[in-house]
Each structure stands twice: as structure tokens, then as C-alpha cells.
Amino acid sequence: MRYLFIGPSLPDVRDHLDGTVRVLPPIAAGDLFRVPLSAGDIVGIVDGYFHHTAAVRHKEIFAALADGVRVLGASSMGALRAAEMHRYGMGGVGYVFAGYRSGRLVGDDEVALLHGPAEAGYPAFSQPLVNIRATIATAVRDGIIEQTHADKLIDAMATMPYVRRNHRTLVETIEALDLPPGQARRIERYCRTNVVDVKRSDALRLLDQLTQGDPRGRTGRPVLHRTSFTANLELASRAESPDGALPTLSAVSLVNICQLFAHDYPTIHRDLVFRVIGQECADGCPDHRPGLTPEQTVVAHGRHRGHYSDRPDGADFTFLTRWTTRSERATRSTEELIAIFVPRAFRVKPGIAPKAEAIALLRDTKAWTRAAKIARVASLVESRLRIANRDSSTLPPARVAAWFAKHWRVDPDDVEIAALDRGFESMNAFLGVAKSYYLLTRIRPELVDFSVRNERRQPCASS
């Protein structure tokens, strides 16, 4: 599959394609994680957002390259990222890319412009500096302006904010050069009628490579070290619409809602963790013993990995004190305490919670749709708070924790442990999410009263 992120550099892009390329809006942070990419796909990046929206991350491009996706960049944001990521295998196309690679172009604002929405065809309200440079260079070549005056003109335009670089300010700058009578008008007329649009030309060159399958030789895949930042960015970028409504919702936020409110989520989380660890033990441990219960497998796997000894004494397990309640320590064996501890402390990798596994599990339940409804109603509540100049983040933590202690049917002193049982990384992580939904619990308590397993979708019958 071939994808193209493009906007104002080539508003009429569809006139140049044959339908084999999926056209997407200018790229922003997380967009490469939202596209269903697989090895052998080709992605072209031309335009991208950067000012009011976070720009596409280098790490997500790196992740795509590591997965065997060919990524090409040109013209605008694509040229910038291609120059920065070229050593890792991202391909660059065109004049702008070459300028950044050589150091002739330096500033990110060289390619920036102010424009209108896609629905209006991305009308340009300013001109990118790379186009102004190219137009003035052509004017020098044609004898319209001397090089010394051209340098002053470019220097003056370069000091302006990118949103002010338009034809009117260009004319004002030309007039300020104190040129001979009539020459300023001649230069202005030339620049108006002989615009050199290098961004458009580069975009067209990228389209040629994209539609031809980019026949150039591929470089080897880089090796991606999937840090917690990368994994969490990928998860945060995943969007869902279980109820079919727009806009889409963050998949992680839907998991968070189930964590907060589903009465049986501790069991869901425990079973998920036991399944992941059990599979890891079966796949990689020579000492794996089939036939054990999930709890026994988890405890055994900890020994396989050397986390504690085969014949533990009490000193091996002093760490359990901070992960278990006094009641649990008084009534459970060491083996049982380990099985309780593991789901509370489990991470796929350091700093990475098992949210991807939870998304896959919950997506097949009615609870996923229920979570979407809760998210949308909570968003309305938050909007009303903002109108009233109120902020849910200022809610007293003790009040929020007390409500959830009651909802979870736990002792108020054990709220932090109960949050860990639901897959939250810490008390602060729980409160950071819970505050956004607390007022909803006061307004629509029936909406947040559900269990995942009571809302599983029934299979459809067919003949």
C-alpha cells in the first residue's frame, strides 16, 4: 500500500494520481502509528503540521523504517525529516531536501507558510522562504536585481515571522532598499509574475517516485529500541470509535475508563497479566511445566528468571510489604502473595503498561461502547467546567479517592493497592485520570456502573 501526507504544497494532488495512492492530510505527531502500515508499504511525506499541533516525531518514522516500510520525504516537513533521518534509511527527494542535507538551508521556517483549511483547497496566506529565495535568485539571473540587493532582500524577509512573508511585505521590503526610480516596481512586477514554486516541484517529483514504487535500492532496516516513550506514543496515537460517532477517541482513554469503573476489571487485569506471562514462560523457559495453574506458572516463571530463589526464606520477600495489604500478609502464603504482587507490578517492559493487550481484549466487549459513551459525556462536562472557569484537576485528591474506594468496595486506606490491581502504574497515575471523570460520577452515576463480563457482545447467528 502507498500513502501520501500532503496539503498546501500541492492542493490539486488528486489530479496527478491514478488511485493507487491513499491521500492523507498533512502529517502530525502520531499519524504514522495511526496508519495500518506493514512491511513493503511506501509512505510519502510532503506537508506536516508543526505550530498549533505537535509535529511528526522522528521516533515514529524510525519505527516505520524498522518495520520495513519505505518512507520518502520532500518539499516541506517531509524534506526536513528526510534530511534528519536520511542516515537511518528515510529517502529524500528534491531541491529542498538537498538544501537541508547540504546545510544551505537551516531554519525550519524556510518551508513554513500560513494557509487555510483543506475544505477550501489550502489557500496560502503567506509564502515559504524557500520559494522567495528561488524567485529572487531567478530575478538575479535574469538581470532584474543585483546580487547585493537580493541578499539584503532575502535577509530582511528571513528576519520576519513566517506568517508575515507575503507579497505585500515583499513589496514593502523592496521599496525600503532605496533603489533607483522605477527599479523597485520592476522587481515587484517580476516577482509577482515569475514565482518559482520549488515546494510544488519537489512534491511532484516525490509523486513520481511514489507512483512508480520507488525503484531505487532499499537500505537495511534500522534496529528499533522500543523505549517506553515510543510504546506509549504509539498507544496514545491509536484512535477508536466503538459507537460509530465522530470524532474518534483515544483507545488508551477507553481502557482507562474501564479500569476506573468496571467492577470486574481487577480480574480482567489479572487474567491478562497471567496470560502474557504464561505465554512468555511457555515460549522461552526450558523449565516451563505445562499443566500448572496460571498462578503457579507466574510464581514459577519468577524463579526461572532468577527474581527469587527456589527455596525462599522470609528475607527474599520483604519487598512484598509495599505491594500487599496487612490483611493479605496475615492470611496468605508467600506463593499466594507473589501471585497477588505480579499483576500489581507488571509491565510489558520497564515503563510500559500492558495497554495494547487490554485494547485487544476490551474491543470485543460492549463495555468498549459503554466507555465511549462515558468519554463523550465526560467531555461535555469538562467543556461546561471550562466555560464556568473551573478545572477538574483542582479537585481534592482525598475526595476523588474516597468515591472510588466506595465504588470499588475497598477500604479507603487501600485505594492505592486497588488502583494497582486495576493496572494503574501508581496512585498519581490513577488520580490523574480519575479527576477527569469524578464530576460525571455525581451527575450520571448509573452510566459508570458496569462490569466488562456482563457486557460481552453475543456472537451473531448465521446460516
Foldseek 3Di string as FASTA:
>chain_A
DEEEADAQLCLPVVVVDDPPYHYDHQAAALPLLADPDAALYEYEHQGHDPDPTPHHDLQSVLVNLLRRYAYEAEQAVRLVSCLVCVVQFHHYFFDSNVCCVVVVDDDNQQRDFDFDDSVVSTHTQAHRLVQVLVLLVVCCVVVLDPPVLSVQLSVVLVPDRRHPHHLVVSLVSLVVSPDPPPSSVSSSVSCVVPGDSRSNVRVSVVVVCRVVSNPDDGDDRDDDDCDLVNQVSSQQSHWADLPPDDDTHRLLLLLLLCLQFALCLLVVLLVLLLVVQLVVCVPDAPPDDPPDDSLVRQLVSCCSVVLAHPDDDPVSPPVLPVQDDPVCVVPDDPSVSSSLRDSLQDAPDVNHFPSVSVSVVLSQWCSSVLSNVLVVVLVVVQVVCVVVVHDLLPPPLLVLLVVSCVSNVHDSVCSQSSSSSSRQNTSVSSSVSSSSRVVVCVVCVVSSHHHGVVTGDDDDDDD
